[in-house]
Amino acid sequence: MLDSGNFVTYNAHQEIVWQSFRHTTDTLLPGQRKFVEEELFSPKSETDHSTGIFCLKMQDDGNLFSQNAYYSSGTAKTENNVTLNFDVDGHLYLLNNTGSNIRNTTGGNLPTDQGISYLMRIDADGILQLYSNNILCGLNSYCMSIDLEAECRCLPGFESASQRNDQTSGCARNLVANFCKDKNENFTYTMQDLPSTVWENVPYLVLTLEDKEACKQACLEDCNCKAALFNHGSCLRERLPLRYRRRQMTTSNIALIKGGISTTAPEIDTIS
């Protein structure tokens, strides 16, 4: 895994045989390019990241074109082997085969200091948008805005994994327990609510349940379930680690985090 976010595999001669930057789905990270005939696909919804109904394609005639024709770069038949490029400053642009810029899609020149990073994403509604992240929260934490400042917080039942309170280091459980109740009677298992939450995890199981309480109970009875996301009758079960969570007040998603409370009585020192 490179610092750019590109996951690369090499052969015995240190030659690249596969890289995630050439197999994008709905998102472009800085340094990524879309070559001729490559596409970005929208997700079905905020919580379902399977392929949706919209796509943005770098055509072989040099035109950047969206399905349903709501966007065109207007560069058809002007150049060959045109690529779509995205830089660290939020600049999205088209280059021809000689490396010359033939069209700016975004202006770029956005600040890149103080940990600010950018990504381009085609959302479920088909709109290609530029997003900025002032901070990238680590595993098992979530990002929320406080007085217009981004802050990483640990999920319920977790604590910072770094003694230096490095927010990118993520969080670890503050309780070591076997989450199969029949194997460990020293803990009472609970589910804590975290409303208005979205995340990028892919669930290992999706159930249709009538309410939040049924979703909680289903997770409590499943040893593999460490968290669940409930929204309008869908219960998405998740394993650890949990990643890319954020509070989003416009969503009705409710995150349900499994935790435990020790029922073992503390030892009391006696004076003889």
Protein backbone atom coordinates (compact mmCIF):
# COMPACT_ATOMS: atom_id res chain seq x y z
CA MET A 1 0.00 0.00 0.00
CA LEU A 2 1.54 3.29 -1.11
CA ASP A 3 1.09 6.60 0.72
CA SER A 4 -1.10 7.73 -2.19
CA GLY A 5 -3.66 5.04 -1.29
CA ASN A 6 -2.72 2.91 -4.29
CA PHE A 7 -2.60 -0.81 -3.46
CA VAL A 8 0.05 -2.35 -5.71
CA THR A 9 1.16 -5.94 -6.28
CA TYR A 10 4.53 -6.78 -7.85
CA ASN A 11 6.03 -9.86 -9.47
CA ALA A 12 9.47 -11.31 -8.68
CA HIS A 13 11.09 -8.69 -10.95
CA GLN A 14 9.46 -5.82 -9.02
CA GLU A 15 7.19 -5.08 -11.96
CA ILE A 16 3.64 -3.93 -11.25
CA VAL A 17 1.13 -6.65 -12.12
CA TRP A 18 -1.96 -5.05 -10.54
CA GLN A 19 -2.85 -1.75 -8.87
CA SER A 20 -6.06 -0.46 -7.36
CA PHE A 21 -5.68 2.93 -9.09
CA ARG A 22 -6.49 1.20 -12.39
CA HIS A 23 -9.64 -0.38 -10.96
CA THR A 24 -11.59 2.52 -9.51
CA THR A 25 -15.30 2.37 -8.76
CA ASP A 26 -16.90 5.70 -7.74
CA THR A 27 -13.89 7.71 -6.49
CA LEU A 28 -10.71 9.34 -7.77
CA LEU A 29 -7.85 10.00 -5.37
CA PRO A 30 -5.01 12.46 -6.09
CA GLY A 31 -2.62 10.95 -8.61
CA GLN A 32 -5.23 8.73 -10.23
CA ARG A 33 -5.93 8.80 -13.96
CA LYS A 34 -8.72 7.43 -16.11
CA PHE A 35 -7.48 6.10 -19.43
CA VAL A 36 -9.39 5.52 -22.67
CA GLU A 37 -12.58 3.47 -22.18
CA GLU A 38 -12.25 3.55 -18.37
CA GLU A 39 -15.23 4.60 -16.26
CA LEU A 40 -16.40 5.78 -12.86
CA PHE A 41 -19.65 4.23 -11.65
CA SER A 42 -22.05 5.71 -9.13
CA PRO A 43 -23.13 3.61 -6.12
CA LYS A 44 -26.73 2.53 -5.80
CA SER A 45 -27.17 4.53 -2.60
CA GLU A 46 -25.25 5.99 0.35
CA THR A 47 -25.16 2.60 2.04
CA ASP A 48 -25.13 0.28 -1.00
CA HIS A 49 -21.86 0.61 -2.92
CA SER A 50 -22.70 -1.87 -5.65
CA THR A 51 -22.86 -0.40 -9.16
CA GLY A 52 -25.58 2.20 -9.66
CA ILE A 53 -27.18 3.63 -12.80
CA PHE A 54 -24.76 6.48 -13.62
CA CYS A 55 -21.26 6.40 -15.08
CA LEU A 56 -18.62 8.83 -16.32
CA LYS A 57 -16.53 7.51 -19.21
CA MET A 58 -13.27 8.61 -20.84
CA GLN A 59 -14.19 7.83 -24.44
CA ASP A 60 -11.75 6.79 -27.15
CA ASP A 61 -12.61 9.91 -29.19
CA GLY A 62 -11.18 12.18 -26.46
CA ASN A 63 -14.52 13.16 -24.92
CA LEU A 64 -15.30 12.84 -21.21
CA PHE A 65 -18.94 11.83 -21.28
CA SER A 66 -21.55 10.90 -18.70
CA GLN A 67 -24.32 8.40 -19.19
CA ASN A 68 -27.67 10.06 -19.95
CA ALA A 69 -25.65 12.91 -21.55
CA TYR A 70 -25.94 15.39 -18.68
CA TYR A 71 -22.24 16.22 -19.06
CA SER A 72 -19.74 16.32 -21.92
CA SER A 73 -16.27 17.86 -21.94
CA GLY A 74 -16.77 18.96 -25.53
CA THR A 75 -13.45 17.47 -26.61
CA ALA A 76 -14.78 14.77 -28.94
CA LYS A 77 -12.59 14.05 -32.00
CA THR A 78 -10.07 16.72 -31.03
CA GLU A 79 -7.34 14.48 -29.58
CA ASN A 80 -6.33 10.82 -29.26
CA ASN A 81 -5.53 8.83 -26.10
CA VAL A 82 -6.88 11.52 -23.80
CA THR A 83 -6.69 10.85 -20.04
CA LEU A 84 -8.61 12.26 -17.09
CA ASN A 85 -6.22 13.37 -14.32
CA PHE A 86 -6.69 14.41 -10.70
CA ASP A 87 -4.05 16.27 -8.69
CA VAL A 88 -3.48 16.84 -4.97
CA ASP A 89 -4.78 20.44 -5.16
CA GLY A 90 -8.21 19.37 -6.45
CA HIS A 91 -7.35 20.00 -10.10
CA LEU A 92 -9.29 17.73 -12.50
CA TYR A 93 -8.25 18.04 -16.13
CA LEU A 94 -7.75 16.30 -19.48
CA LEU A 95 -4.35 15.61 -21.06
CA ASN A 96 -3.69 14.54 -24.62
CA ASN A 97 -1.10 11.93 -25.63
CA THR A 98 1.69 14.53 -25.65
CA GLY A 99 0.94 15.64 -22.07
CA SER A 100 -0.72 18.93 -23.01
CA ASN A 101 -3.72 20.17 -21.04
CA ILE A 102 -6.75 20.39 -23.32
CA ARG A 103 -9.50 21.03 -20.76
CA ASN A 104 -9.78 22.03 -17.09
CA THR A 105 -12.78 20.50 -15.35
CA THR A 106 -11.95 22.10 -11.99
CA GLY A 107 -9.66 25.03 -11.33
CA GLY A 108 -7.42 23.44 -8.72
CA ASN A 109 -4.96 25.55 -6.70
CA LEU A 110 -6.77 24.60 -3.48
CA PRO A 111 -4.77 24.57 -0.21
CA THR A 112 -2.96 21.33 0.53
CA ASP A 113 -1.33 22.18 3.85
CA GLN A 114 -2.60 21.38 7.36
CA GLY A 115 -3.56 17.86 6.37
CA ILE A 116 -6.21 18.86 3.82
CA SER A 117 -6.83 16.24 1.13
CA TYR A 118 -9.29 16.00 -1.76
CA LEU A 119 -11.19 13.35 -3.66
CA MET A 120 -13.59 13.29 -6.60
CA ARG A 121 -16.65 11.08 -6.33
CA ILE A 122 -19.64 10.34 -8.51
CA ASP A 123 -22.53 10.05 -6.06
CA ALA A 124 -25.68 7.95 -6.24
CA ASP A 125 -27.53 10.82 -7.95
CA GLY A 126 -24.95 10.89 -10.77
CA ILE A 127 -23.34 14.19 -9.72
CA LEU A 128 -19.53 14.29 -9.80
CA GLN A 129 -18.41 16.27 -6.76
CA LEU A 130 -15.13 17.44 -5.26
CA TYR A 131 -14.77 16.66 -1.55
CA SER A 132 -12.21 17.92 0.93
CA ASN A 133 -11.07 16.18 4.09
CA ASN A 134 -9.37 18.26 6.73
CA ILE A 135 -8.47 15.13 8.63
CA LEU A 136 -8.50 11.42 7.94
CA CYS A 137 -9.74 9.49 10.94
CA GLY A 138 -8.21 6.11 11.70
CA LEU A 139 -9.90 2.75 12.11
CA ASN A 140 -12.80 2.38 14.56
CA SER A 141 -13.31 6.13 14.80
CA TYR A 142 -15.58 8.63 13.12
CA CYS A 143 -15.33 12.20 11.89
CA MET A 144 -17.68 14.93 13.04
CA SER A 145 -17.79 18.69 12.67
CA ILE A 146 -17.55 20.86 15.79
CA ASP A 147 -17.68 24.63 15.28
CA LEU A 148 -16.76 24.09 11.61
CA GLU A 149 -13.67 22.08 12.62
CA ALA A 150 -13.31 18.37 11.85
CA GLU A 151 -12.60 16.12 14.81
CA CYS A 152 -12.03 12.38 15.11
CA ARG A 153 -13.77 10.55 17.93
CA CYS A 154 -13.57 6.93 19.01
CA LEU A 155 -16.64 4.76 18.66
CA PRO A 156 -18.46 3.85 21.89
CA GLY A 157 -16.44 1.22 23.74
CA PHE A 158 -13.16 2.21 22.03
CA GLU A 159 -10.24 4.41 23.04
CA SER A 160 -7.36 6.03 21.18
CA ALA A 161 -4.76 3.55 19.95
CA SER A 162 -2.04 6.20 20.27
CA GLN A 163 -0.71 7.61 23.52
CA ARG A 164 0.03 10.82 21.62
CA ASN A 165 -3.65 11.15 20.70
CA ASP A 166 -2.79 10.91 17.00
CA GLN A 167 -6.23 10.97 15.37
CA THR A 168 -5.07 9.05 12.29
CA SER A 169 -3.91 6.11 14.44
CA GLY A 170 -7.49 5.07 15.07
CA CYS A 171 -9.03 3.46 18.12
CA ALA A 172 -8.95 0.08 19.86
CA ARG A 173 -11.45 -1.62 22.15
CA ASN A 174 -11.11 -0.67 25.79
CA LEU A 175 -12.48 -4.08 26.74
CA VAL A 176 -11.04 -7.48 25.89
CA ALA A 177 -13.88 -9.97 25.72
CA ASN A 178 -15.18 -12.92 23.76
CA PHE A 179 -18.36 -11.64 22.16
CA CYS A 180 -20.07 -15.01 22.26
CA LYS A 181 -22.14 -14.80 25.42
CA ASP A 182 -22.38 -18.54 25.90
CA LYS A 183 -18.56 -18.69 26.06
CA ASN A 184 -18.05 -15.80 28.46
CA GLU A 185 -20.50 -15.19 31.30
CA ASN A 186 -18.37 -12.45 32.88
CA PHE A 187 -19.74 -9.77 30.59
CA THR A 188 -23.10 -8.22 29.82
CA TYR A 189 -23.32 -7.39 26.14
CA THR A 190 -24.88 -4.16 24.92
CA MET A 191 -25.59 -2.24 21.72
CA GLN A 192 -24.99 1.51 21.76
CA ASP A 193 -26.67 3.88 19.29
CA LEU A 194 -24.76 6.37 17.16
CA PRO A 195 -27.38 8.22 15.08
CA SER A 196 -26.85 10.03 11.77
CA THR A 197 -23.82 7.95 10.79
CA VAL A 198 -22.52 6.76 7.42
CA TRP A 199 -19.54 4.54 6.63
CA GLU A 200 -17.75 2.87 3.74
CA ASN A 201 -17.60 -0.69 5.10
CA VAL A 202 -19.05 -3.55 3.07
CA PRO A 203 -21.40 -5.59 5.30
CA TYR A 204 -20.98 -9.35 5.44
CA LEU A 205 -24.73 -9.81 5.87
CA VAL A 206 -27.80 -7.69 5.14
CA LEU A 207 -31.14 -8.50 6.78
CA THR A 208 -34.60 -7.04 6.37
CA LEU A 209 -35.91 -6.32 9.87
CA GLU A 210 -38.84 -4.25 11.02
CA ASP A 211 -37.12 -2.04 13.59
CA LYS A 212 -33.87 -1.00 15.24
CA GLU A 213 -34.38 -3.25 18.28
CA ALA A 214 -34.63 -6.34 16.07
CA CYS A 215 -31.38 -5.29 14.36
CA LYS A 216 -29.69 -4.92 17.76
CA GLN A 217 -30.84 -8.35 18.89
CA ALA A 218 -29.68 -9.97 15.65
CA CYS A 219 -26.19 -8.52 16.15
CA LEU A 220 -26.07 -9.56 19.81
CA GLU A 221 -26.83 -13.15 18.82
CA ASP A 222 -24.12 -13.20 16.13
CA CYS A 223 -20.53 -13.72 17.37
CA ASN A 224 -19.12 -12.22 14.17
CA CYS A 225 -21.19 -9.05 14.38
CA LYS A 226 -19.32 -6.15 16.01
CA ALA A 227 -21.56 -3.37 14.70
CA ALA A 228 -24.63 -2.85 12.56
CA LEU A 229 -26.16 -0.07 10.51
CA PHE A 230 -29.95 0.24 10.52
CA ASN A 231 -31.93 2.29 8.02
CA HIS A 232 -35.54 1.89 6.89
CA GLY A 233 -35.80 -1.84 7.55
CA SER A 234 -32.28 -2.78 6.41
CA CYS A 235 -29.87 -4.17 9.02
CA LEU A 236 -26.26 -4.30 7.79
CA ARG A 237 -23.95 -6.42 9.95
CA GLU A 238 -20.26 -5.48 10.15
CA ARG A 239 -16.98 -6.91 11.39
CA LEU A 240 -14.00 -4.99 12.72
CA PRO A 241 -12.22 -2.86 11.79
CA LEU A 242 -14.76 -0.16 11.00
CA ARG A 243 -13.51 2.52 8.64
CA TYR A 244 -14.39 5.86 7.05
CA ARG A 245 -17.24 6.66 9.40
CA ARG A 246 -18.63 10.14 9.67
CA ARG A 247 -21.58 11.91 11.24
CA GLN A 248 -23.99 13.21 8.62
CA MET A 249 -27.06 14.92 10.01
CA THR A 250 -29.03 14.54 6.77
CA THR A 251 -29.11 10.73 6.98
CA SER A 252 -31.48 8.57 9.01
CA ASN A 253 -28.85 5.83 9.42
CA ILE A 254 -28.31 4.60 12.97
CA ALA A 255 -25.02 2.88 13.78
CA LEU A 256 -25.26 0.20 16.48
CA ILE A 257 -21.98 -0.61 18.22
CA LYS A 258 -21.59 -3.83 20.23
CA GLY A 259 -19.96 -3.42 23.62
CA GLY A 260 -19.61 -5.22 26.90
CA ILE A 261 -19.75 -4.49 30.60
CA SER A 262 -17.81 -6.65 33.02
CA THR A 263 -20.01 -8.36 35.61
CA THR A 264 -17.08 -9.68 37.64
CA ALA A 265 -17.04 -8.14 41.10
CA PRO A 266 -13.83 -6.19 41.78
CA GLU A 267 -11.45 -7.63 44.31
CA ILE A 268 -11.55 -5.88 47.68
CA ASP A 269 -8.39 -5.64 49.73
CA THR A 270 -8.91 -6.64 53.34
CA ILE A 271 -6.83 -5.75 56.33
CA SER A 272 -6.21 -8.67 58.63
